[in-house]
């Protein structure tokens, strides 16, 4: 019985901690591959609100 408490309980706790850590990491708002998607969403949100019409809003091609 003591063996179960000494060996199995910490092992189960470590596995649960690893699962929770992984889930939190996956929910991070800006991972390396999501930066471009976040920028696209921000541009779409700006366009939906009417935007300012500047070169930054038009993709950097002002007057072209």
N, C-alpha and C. Protein backbone atom coordinates (compact mmCIF):
# COMPACT_ATOMS: atom_id res chain seq x y z
N UNK A 1 0.82 -1.21 0.00
CA UNK A 1 0.00 0.00 0.00
C UNK A 1 0.86 1.26 0.00
N UNK A 2 1.93 1.23 0.77
CA UNK A 2 2.84 2.38 0.82
C UNK A 2 3.51 2.57 -0.55
N UNK A 3 3.81 1.49 -1.23
CA UNK A 3 4.42 1.58 -2.56
C UNK A 3 3.51 2.32 -3.53
N UNK A 4 2.24 2.06 -3.46
CA UNK A 4 1.28 2.74 -4.33
C UNK A 4 1.29 4.24 -4.05
N UNK A 5 1.30 4.61 -2.80
CA UNK A 5 1.27 6.02 -2.43
C UNK A 5 2.58 6.71 -2.82
N UNK A 6 3.69 6.03 -2.63
CA UNK A 6 5.00 6.64 -2.88
C UNK A 6 5.34 6.70 -4.37
N UNK A 7 4.93 5.73 -5.14
CA UNK A 7 5.31 5.67 -6.56
C UNK A 7 4.18 6.12 -7.49
N UNK A 8 3.01 5.58 -7.31
CA UNK A 8 1.93 5.81 -8.27
C UNK A 8 1.31 7.21 -8.11
N UNK A 9 1.10 7.66 -6.90
CA UNK A 9 0.46 8.97 -6.70
C UNK A 9 1.28 10.11 -7.32
N UNK A 10 2.61 10.20 -7.09
CA UNK A 10 3.37 11.27 -7.77
C UNK A 10 3.39 11.12 -9.28
N UNK A 11 3.40 9.89 -9.77
CA UNK A 11 3.37 9.66 -11.21
C UNK A 11 2.06 10.17 -11.82
N UNK A 12 0.95 9.87 -11.19
CA UNK A 12 -0.34 10.35 -11.66
C UNK A 12 -0.40 11.88 -11.60
N UNK A 13 0.12 12.46 -10.51
CA UNK A 13 0.12 13.92 -10.38
C UNK A 13 0.97 14.56 -11.48
N UNK A 14 2.11 13.95 -11.80
CA UNK A 14 2.98 14.47 -12.85
C UNK A 14 2.30 14.40 -14.22
N UNK A 15 1.60 13.34 -14.50
CA UNK A 15 0.88 13.21 -15.77
C UNK A 15 -0.22 14.26 -15.87
N UNK A 16 -0.97 14.45 -14.81
CA UNK A 16 -2.04 15.46 -14.81
C UNK A 16 -1.44 16.85 -15.00
N UNK A 17 -0.33 17.14 -14.30
CA UNK A 17 0.31 18.45 -14.44
C UNK A 17 0.76 18.66 -15.89
N UNK A 18 1.31 17.62 -16.52
CA UNK A 18 1.76 17.73 -17.91
C UNK A 18 0.61 18.02 -18.86
N UNK A 19 -0.51 17.38 -18.64
CA UNK A 19 -1.68 17.62 -19.49
C UNK A 19 -2.17 19.06 -19.33
N UNK A 20 -2.26 19.52 -18.10
CA UNK A 20 -2.71 20.90 -17.85
C UNK A 20 -1.73 21.89 -18.45
N UNK A 21 -0.43 21.66 -18.28
CA UNK A 21 0.58 22.56 -18.84
C UNK A 21 0.46 22.63 -20.35
N UNK A 22 0.29 21.48 -21.01
CA UNK A 22 0.17 21.46 -22.46
C UNK A 22 -1.08 22.19 -22.94
N UNK A 23 -2.19 22.00 -22.26
CA UNK A 23 -3.42 22.68 -22.67
C UNK A 23 -3.30 24.18 -22.51
N UNK A 24 -2.66 24.62 -21.44
CA UNK A 24 -2.47 26.08 -21.26
C UNK A 24 -1.56 26.64 -22.33
N UNK A 25 -0.50 25.90 -22.68
CA UNK A 25 0.43 26.38 -23.69
C UNK A 25 -0.25 26.46 -25.06
N UNK A 26 -1.10 25.51 -25.36
CA UNK A 26 -1.80 25.53 -26.65
C UNK A 26 -2.79 26.68 -26.76
N UNK A 27 -3.28 27.18 -25.65
CA UNK A 27 -4.24 28.28 -25.69
C UNK A 27 -3.58 29.64 -25.69
N UNK A 28 -2.25 29.70 -25.71
CA UNK A 28 -1.58 31.00 -25.68
C UNK A 28 -2.02 31.84 -26.87
N UNK A 29 -2.28 33.12 -26.68
CA UNK A 29 -2.86 33.94 -27.74
C UNK A 29 -1.96 34.13 -28.96
N UNK A 30 -0.65 34.24 -28.78
CA UNK A 30 0.22 34.47 -29.93
C UNK A 30 1.38 33.48 -29.93
N UNK A 31 1.20 32.36 -30.54
CA UNK A 31 2.33 31.47 -30.75
C UNK A 31 3.00 31.90 -32.05
N UNK A 32 4.14 31.36 -32.34
CA UNK A 32 4.93 31.81 -33.48
C UNK A 32 4.17 31.72 -34.80
N UNK A 33 3.39 30.67 -35.01
CA UNK A 33 2.70 30.51 -36.29
C UNK A 33 1.36 31.23 -36.33
N UNK A 34 0.93 31.80 -35.21
CA UNK A 34 -0.36 32.49 -35.19
C UNK A 34 -0.25 34.00 -35.37
N UNK A 35 0.95 34.53 -35.43
CA UNK A 35 1.11 35.99 -35.53
C UNK A 35 0.51 36.51 -36.83
N UNK A 36 0.74 35.80 -37.91
CA UNK A 36 0.20 36.24 -39.20
C UNK A 36 -1.33 36.18 -39.19
N UNK A 37 -1.89 35.14 -38.59
CA UNK A 37 -3.35 35.02 -38.50
C UNK A 37 -3.93 36.14 -37.64
N UNK A 38 -3.24 36.47 -36.54
CA UNK A 38 -3.70 37.57 -35.69
C UNK A 38 -3.67 38.89 -36.45
N UNK A 39 -2.62 39.12 -37.23
CA UNK A 39 -2.53 40.36 -38.01
C UNK A 39 -3.65 40.42 -39.04
N UNK A 40 -3.95 39.29 -39.66
CA UNK A 40 -5.04 39.26 -40.65
C UNK A 40 -6.38 39.56 -39.99
N UNK A 41 -6.60 38.97 -38.80
CA UNK A 41 -7.85 39.24 -38.08
C UNK A 41 -7.95 40.71 -37.68
N UNK A 42 -6.84 41.30 -37.29
CA UNK A 42 -6.85 42.71 -36.90
C UNK A 42 -7.18 43.59 -38.10
N UNK A 43 -6.61 43.27 -39.27
CA UNK A 43 -6.92 44.04 -40.48
C UNK A 43 -8.39 43.89 -40.86
N UNK A 44 -8.91 42.66 -40.75
CA UNK A 44 -10.32 42.45 -41.09
C UNK A 44 -11.23 43.20 -40.13
N UNK A 45 -10.87 43.23 -38.85
CA UNK A 45 -11.67 43.96 -37.87
C UNK A 45 -11.64 45.46 -38.16
N UNK A 46 -10.47 45.96 -38.55
CA UNK A 46 -10.36 47.38 -38.89
C UNK A 46 -11.19 47.70 -40.12
N UNK A 47 -11.13 46.82 -41.13
CA UNK A 47 -11.92 47.03 -42.34
C UNK A 47 -13.42 46.97 -42.04
N UNK A 48 -13.82 46.09 -41.14
CA UNK A 48 -15.23 45.96 -40.79
C UNK A 48 -15.75 47.21 -40.08
N UNK A 49 -14.86 47.88 -39.35
CA UNK A 49 -15.26 49.11 -38.65
C UNK A 49 -15.16 50.33 -39.55
N UNK A 50 -14.67 50.17 -40.75
CA UNK A 50 -14.57 51.30 -41.67
C UNK A 50 -13.14 51.69 -41.93
N UNK A 51 -12.22 51.39 -41.04
CA UNK A 51 -10.81 51.68 -41.25
C UNK A 51 -10.54 53.16 -41.43
N UNK A 52 -9.27 53.51 -41.52
CA UNK A 52 -8.90 54.91 -41.68
C UNK A 52 -8.52 55.24 -43.11
N UNK A 53 -8.34 54.21 -43.95
CA UNK A 53 -8.01 54.46 -45.35
C UNK A 53 -6.56 54.81 -45.57
N UNK A 54 -5.70 54.59 -44.59
CA UNK A 54 -4.29 54.92 -44.73
C UNK A 54 -3.57 53.83 -45.51
N UNK A 55 -2.30 54.07 -45.81
CA UNK A 55 -1.50 53.09 -46.54
C UNK A 55 -1.38 51.79 -45.75
N UNK A 56 -1.33 51.88 -44.45
CA UNK A 56 -1.21 50.68 -43.62
C UNK A 56 -2.46 49.81 -43.75
N UNK A 57 -3.61 50.42 -43.90
CA UNK A 57 -4.85 49.66 -44.03
C UNK A 57 -5.00 49.02 -45.41
N UNK A 58 -4.34 49.61 -46.41
CA UNK A 58 -4.50 49.07 -47.76
C UNK A 58 -3.35 48.14 -48.14
N UNK A 59 -2.62 47.68 -47.15
CA UNK A 59 -1.54 46.75 -47.43
C UNK A 59 -0.25 47.44 -47.84
N UNK A 60 -0.13 48.74 -47.61
CA UNK A 60 1.09 49.47 -47.92
C UNK A 60 1.17 49.95 -49.36
N UNK A 61 0.10 49.89 -50.11
CA UNK A 61 0.11 50.30 -51.51
C UNK A 61 -0.76 51.56 -51.68
N UNK A 62 -0.34 52.63 -51.07
CA UNK A 62 -1.12 53.87 -51.15
C UNK A 62 -0.95 54.51 -52.52
N UNK A 63 -2.05 54.78 -53.16
CA UNK A 63 -2.04 55.50 -54.41
C UNK A 63 -1.56 54.68 -55.61
N UNK A 64 -1.42 53.39 -55.46
CA UNK A 64 -0.93 52.58 -56.58
C UNK A 64 -2.05 51.80 -57.17
